[in-house]
N, C-alpha and C. Protein backbone atom coordinates (compact mmCIF):
# COMPACT_ATOMS: atom_id res chain seq x y z
N MET A 1 -4.13 -8.48 -7.35
CA MET A 1 -3.82 -9.04 -6.05
C MET A 1 -3.43 -10.52 -6.18
N LEU A 2 -4.15 -11.23 -7.02
CA LEU A 2 -3.83 -12.64 -7.18
C LEU A 2 -2.44 -12.81 -7.80
N HIS A 3 -2.11 -11.95 -8.75
CA HIS A 3 -0.78 -12.01 -9.38
C HIS A 3 0.30 -11.79 -8.32
N ARG A 4 0.10 -10.82 -7.44
CA ARG A 4 1.07 -10.56 -6.36
C ARG A 4 1.18 -11.77 -5.44
N HIS A 5 0.05 -12.39 -5.13
CA HIS A 5 0.04 -13.56 -4.26
C HIS A 5 0.85 -14.70 -4.88
N LEU A 6 0.66 -14.92 -6.17
CA LEU A 6 1.41 -15.98 -6.85
C LEU A 6 2.90 -15.66 -6.92
N ASP A 7 3.24 -14.40 -7.13
CA ASP A 7 4.66 -14.00 -7.11
C ASP A 7 5.29 -14.28 -5.75
N LEU A 8 4.57 -13.94 -4.69
CA LEU A 8 5.10 -14.19 -3.35
C LEU A 8 5.25 -15.69 -3.08
N THR A 9 4.28 -16.47 -3.51
CA THR A 9 4.32 -17.92 -3.30
C THR A 9 5.51 -18.53 -4.05
N LYS A 10 5.73 -18.08 -5.28
CA LYS A 10 6.88 -18.56 -6.05
C LYS A 10 8.18 -18.18 -5.35
N SER A 11 8.25 -16.96 -4.86
CA SER A 11 9.44 -16.50 -4.15
C SER A 11 9.69 -17.35 -2.91
N GLU A 12 8.64 -17.68 -2.21
CA GLU A 12 8.79 -18.51 -1.01
C GLU A 12 9.33 -19.90 -1.39
N ALA A 13 8.79 -20.47 -2.46
CA ALA A 13 9.24 -21.80 -2.88
C ALA A 13 10.72 -21.79 -3.25
N VAL A 14 11.16 -20.76 -3.94
CA VAL A 14 12.57 -20.65 -4.31
C VAL A 14 13.45 -20.56 -3.06
N LYS A 15 13.01 -19.79 -2.08
CA LYS A 15 13.79 -19.65 -0.84
C LYS A 15 13.88 -20.97 -0.09
N ILE A 16 12.80 -21.74 -0.11
CA ILE A 16 12.84 -23.06 0.53
C ILE A 16 13.83 -23.97 -0.20
N LEU A 17 13.76 -23.98 -1.52
CA LEU A 17 14.66 -24.83 -2.30
C LEU A 17 16.12 -24.46 -2.09
N LYS A 18 16.38 -23.18 -1.86
CA LYS A 18 17.75 -22.71 -1.62
C LYS A 18 18.14 -22.82 -0.15
N LYS A 19 17.22 -23.37 0.66
CA LYS A 19 17.43 -23.54 2.10
C LYS A 19 17.69 -22.22 2.83
N ASN A 20 17.10 -21.16 2.31
CA ASN A 20 17.20 -19.83 2.93
C ASN A 20 15.96 -19.66 3.82
N TYR A 21 15.96 -20.35 4.94
CA TYR A 21 14.76 -20.46 5.77
C TYR A 21 14.40 -19.15 6.46
N GLU A 22 15.38 -18.35 6.81
CA GLU A 22 15.07 -17.06 7.45
C GLU A 22 14.30 -16.16 6.48
N ALA A 23 14.75 -16.10 5.23
CA ALA A 23 14.05 -15.30 4.23
C ALA A 23 12.68 -15.91 3.91
N ASP A 24 12.62 -17.25 3.94
CA ASP A 24 11.35 -17.94 3.70
C ASP A 24 10.31 -17.54 4.74
N ILE A 25 10.72 -17.49 5.99
CA ILE A 25 9.79 -17.12 7.06
C ILE A 25 9.28 -15.70 6.86
N ALA A 26 10.16 -14.80 6.49
CA ALA A 26 9.75 -13.41 6.25
C ALA A 26 8.77 -13.34 5.08
N THR A 27 9.03 -14.12 4.04
CA THR A 27 8.12 -14.13 2.88
C THR A 27 6.79 -14.75 3.26
N TYR A 28 6.81 -15.80 4.06
CA TYR A 28 5.56 -16.41 4.52
C TYR A 28 4.71 -15.39 5.27
N ASP A 29 5.34 -14.62 6.14
CA ASP A 29 4.61 -13.58 6.87
C ASP A 29 3.98 -12.58 5.92
N GLU A 30 4.71 -12.22 4.87
CA GLU A 30 4.18 -11.28 3.88
C GLU A 30 3.02 -11.90 3.10
N ILE A 31 3.14 -13.18 2.78
CA ILE A 31 2.06 -13.89 2.09
C ILE A 31 0.80 -13.90 2.94
N GLU A 32 0.96 -14.18 4.22
CA GLU A 32 -0.20 -14.23 5.11
C GLU A 32 -0.90 -12.87 5.17
N LYS A 33 -0.13 -11.82 5.32
CA LYS A 33 -0.72 -10.47 5.37
C LYS A 33 -1.43 -10.14 4.06
N GLN A 34 -0.80 -10.45 2.94
CA GLN A 34 -1.39 -10.15 1.64
C GLN A 34 -2.64 -10.99 1.41
N ALA A 35 -2.66 -12.23 1.83
CA ALA A 35 -3.83 -13.10 1.66
C ALA A 35 -5.01 -12.58 2.47
N LEU A 36 -4.74 -12.09 3.66
CA LEU A 36 -5.82 -11.53 4.48
C LEU A 36 -6.38 -10.26 3.85
N GLU A 37 -5.50 -9.44 3.27
CA GLU A 37 -5.97 -8.24 2.57
C GLU A 37 -6.81 -8.62 1.36
N MET A 38 -6.38 -9.64 0.63
CA MET A 38 -7.13 -10.09 -0.54
C MET A 38 -8.50 -10.63 -0.11
N ALA A 39 -8.56 -11.35 0.99
CA ALA A 39 -9.83 -11.87 1.49
C ALA A 39 -10.77 -10.73 1.85
N ASP A 40 -10.24 -9.68 2.46
CA ASP A 40 -11.07 -8.51 2.80
C ASP A 40 -11.66 -7.87 1.56
N VAL A 41 -10.85 -7.72 0.51
CA VAL A 41 -11.33 -7.10 -0.74
C VAL A 41 -12.41 -7.97 -1.38
N LEU A 42 -12.18 -9.28 -1.40
CA LEU A 42 -13.18 -10.18 -1.96
C LEU A 42 -14.49 -10.12 -1.17
N ALA A 43 -14.39 -10.11 0.15
CA ALA A 43 -15.59 -10.04 0.98
C ALA A 43 -16.35 -8.74 0.76
N GLU A 44 -15.62 -7.63 0.66
CA GLU A 44 -16.27 -6.34 0.39
C GLU A 44 -17.00 -6.37 -0.95
N GLY A 45 -16.39 -6.99 -1.95
CA GLY A 45 -17.03 -7.11 -3.26
C GLY A 45 -18.30 -7.93 -3.21
N ILE A 46 -18.28 -9.03 -2.49
CA ILE A 46 -19.46 -9.87 -2.36
C ILE A 46 -20.57 -9.13 -1.63
N VAL A 47 -20.23 -8.44 -0.55
CA VAL A 47 -21.23 -7.70 0.21
C VAL A 47 -21.83 -6.58 -0.64
N SER A 48 -21.00 -5.88 -1.42
CA SER A 48 -21.53 -4.80 -2.24
C SER A 48 -22.37 -5.33 -3.41
N GLN A 49 -22.08 -6.54 -3.85
CA GLN A 49 -22.86 -7.13 -4.94
C GLN A 49 -24.22 -7.64 -4.45
N PHE A 50 -24.29 -8.06 -3.21
CA PHE A 50 -25.52 -8.60 -2.64
C PHE A 50 -25.87 -7.90 -1.33
N PRO A 51 -26.14 -6.60 -1.36
CA PRO A 51 -26.35 -5.85 -0.11
C PRO A 51 -27.57 -6.32 0.69
N ASN A 52 -28.58 -6.86 0.01
CA ASN A 52 -29.79 -7.30 0.72
C ASN A 52 -29.54 -8.56 1.55
N LYS A 53 -28.49 -9.30 1.21
CA LYS A 53 -28.18 -10.53 1.94
C LYS A 53 -27.37 -10.25 3.21
N PHE A 54 -26.80 -9.03 3.30
CA PHE A 54 -25.94 -8.68 4.42
C PHE A 54 -26.47 -7.41 5.06
N SER A 55 -27.17 -7.57 6.15
CA SER A 55 -27.71 -6.36 6.81
C SER A 55 -27.29 -6.27 8.24
């Protein structure tokens, strides 16, 4: 997931440098969705690792 996030971020930077702002906005939206999914997976992992702390 982190590798995908970095790929998307690099893609966004290239689009900004090329002044392709419409594509940049679409990529930003994809980055946001992917980051939220990654946060959910990380949170699930933390909760499963420490079940007594989350009841």
